[in-house]
Amino acid sequence: MQINIAAQPLLALIAGIAILVVPRLLNYIVAAYLILVGVVGLFNL
């Protein structure tokens, strides 16, 4: 039995919980997400 979890929904869930717990993290989470999406888009990972 293999469980396949998509990365983007899991990341969104973790980020949402982190923002609720520490709202100040929002800037860092958004910046990290944008950098990650940019790198993935440039290198087609």
N, C-alpha and C. Protein backbone atom coordinates (compact mmCIF):
# COMPACT_ATOMS: atom_id res chain seq x y z
N MET A 1 0.84 -1.19 0.00
CA MET A 1 0.00 0.00 0.00
C MET A 1 0.88 1.25 0.00
N GLN A 2 0.63 2.11 -0.95
CA GLN A 2 1.44 3.32 -1.08
C GLN A 2 0.53 4.55 -1.03
N ILE A 3 0.91 5.51 -0.21
CA ILE A 3 0.14 6.75 -0.10
C ILE A 3 0.88 7.83 -0.86
N ASN A 4 0.20 8.43 -1.81
CA ASN A 4 0.81 9.46 -2.65
C ASN A 4 0.22 10.82 -2.27
N ILE A 5 1.06 11.72 -1.74
CA ILE A 5 0.61 13.03 -1.30
C ILE A 5 1.25 14.09 -2.19
N ALA A 6 0.42 14.95 -2.75
CA ALA A 6 0.94 16.04 -3.59
C ALA A 6 1.62 17.07 -2.69
N ALA A 7 2.70 17.65 -3.19
CA ALA A 7 3.50 18.57 -2.37
C ALA A 7 2.81 19.92 -2.16
N GLN A 8 2.16 20.45 -3.18
CA GLN A 8 1.61 21.81 -3.07
C GLN A 8 0.48 21.90 -2.05
N PRO A 9 -0.51 20.98 -2.05
CA PRO A 9 -1.55 21.07 -1.02
C PRO A 9 -0.99 20.88 0.39
N LEU A 10 -0.02 20.00 0.52
CA LEU A 10 0.59 19.78 1.84
C LEU A 10 1.33 21.02 2.31
N LEU A 11 2.06 21.66 1.39
CA LEU A 11 2.75 22.91 1.73
C LEU A 11 1.76 24.00 2.11
N ALA A 12 0.66 24.08 1.39
CA ALA A 12 -0.35 25.10 1.68
C ALA A 12 -0.96 24.88 3.06
N LEU A 13 -1.21 23.63 3.41
CA LEU A 13 -1.77 23.31 4.72
C LEU A 13 -0.81 23.68 5.83
N ILE A 14 0.44 23.32 5.68
CA ILE A 14 1.45 23.64 6.70
C ILE A 14 1.62 25.15 6.82
N ALA A 15 1.65 25.85 5.69
CA ALA A 15 1.80 27.31 5.71
C ALA A 15 0.60 27.97 6.37
N GLY A 16 -0.59 27.48 6.08
CA GLY A 16 -1.80 28.04 6.69
C GLY A 16 -1.81 27.88 8.20
N ILE A 17 -1.41 26.72 8.68
CA ILE A 17 -1.35 26.49 10.13
C ILE A 17 -0.29 27.39 10.76
N ALA A 18 0.85 27.51 10.10
CA ALA A 18 1.93 28.35 10.64
C ALA A 18 1.50 29.81 10.70
N ILE A 19 0.76 30.28 9.69
CA ILE A 19 0.30 31.67 9.69
C ILE A 19 -0.70 31.90 10.82
N LEU A 20 -1.55 30.92 11.07
CA LEU A 20 -2.51 31.05 12.18
C LEU A 20 -1.80 31.12 13.52
N VAL A 21 -0.75 30.32 13.68
CA VAL A 21 -0.03 30.28 14.95
C VAL A 21 0.83 31.52 15.13
N VAL A 22 1.59 31.87 14.09
CA VAL A 22 2.50 33.02 14.17
C VAL A 22 2.28 33.90 12.94
N PRO A 23 1.36 34.87 13.02
CA PRO A 23 1.04 35.69 11.84
C PRO A 23 2.25 36.44 11.27
N ARG A 24 3.25 36.69 12.07
CA ARG A 24 4.44 37.40 11.60
C ARG A 24 5.21 36.58 10.55
N LEU A 25 4.98 35.26 10.54
CA LEU A 25 5.67 34.39 9.59
C LEU A 25 5.16 34.56 8.16
N LEU A 26 4.04 35.25 8.01
CA LEU A 26 3.41 35.35 6.68
C LEU A 26 4.37 35.87 5.62
N ASN A 27 5.13 36.91 5.93
CA ASN A 27 6.07 37.47 4.95
C ASN A 27 7.10 36.44 4.52
N TYR A 28 7.66 35.70 5.48
CA TYR A 28 8.69 34.71 5.16
C TYR A 28 8.10 33.54 4.37
N ILE A 29 6.90 33.12 4.73
CA ILE A 29 6.28 31.99 4.04
C ILE A 29 5.96 32.36 2.59
N VAL A 30 5.42 33.55 2.39
CA VAL A 30 5.10 34.00 1.03
C VAL A 30 6.38 34.14 0.21
N ALA A 31 7.41 34.72 0.80
CA ALA A 31 8.68 34.87 0.08
C ALA A 31 9.27 33.51 -0.29
N ALA A 32 9.28 32.58 0.65
CA ALA A 32 9.82 31.24 0.38
C ALA A 32 9.01 30.54 -0.71
N TYR A 33 7.69 30.68 -0.67
CA TYR A 33 6.84 30.06 -1.68
C TYR A 33 7.12 30.64 -3.07
N LEU A 34 7.22 31.95 -3.14
CA LEU A 34 7.49 32.58 -4.43
C LEU A 34 8.85 32.18 -4.99
N ILE A 35 9.84 32.09 -4.14
CA ILE A 35 11.18 31.66 -4.58
C ILE A 35 11.13 30.22 -5.05
N LEU A 36 10.44 29.37 -4.31
CA LEU A 36 10.34 27.96 -4.69
C LEU A 36 9.62 27.81 -6.03
N VAL A 37 8.50 28.50 -6.20
CA VAL A 37 7.76 28.42 -7.46
C VAL A 37 8.61 28.96 -8.62
N GLY A 38 9.35 30.03 -8.37
CA GLY A 38 10.23 30.59 -9.40
C GLY A 38 11.32 29.62 -9.83
N VAL A 39 11.96 28.98 -8.86
CA VAL A 39 13.03 28.02 -9.16
C VAL A 39 12.48 26.82 -9.92
N VAL A 40 11.34 26.30 -9.46
CA VAL A 40 10.73 25.16 -10.13
C VAL A 40 10.33 25.53 -11.55
N GLY A 41 9.80 26.73 -11.73
CA GLY A 41 9.40 27.18 -13.06
C GLY A 41 10.59 27.37 -14.00
N LEU A 42 11.69 27.90 -13.47
CA LEU A 42 12.86 28.14 -14.33
C LEU A 42 13.55 26.84 -14.74
N PHE A 43 13.63 25.90 -13.82
CA PHE A 43 14.38 24.67 -14.09
C PHE A 43 13.49 23.49 -14.43
N ASN A 44 12.18 23.70 -14.52
CA ASN A 44 11.23 22.63 -14.86
C ASN A 44 11.41 21.38 -14.02
N LEU A 45 11.50 21.56 -12.71
CA LEU A 45 11.67 20.42 -11.82
C LEU A 45 10.39 19.69 -11.56
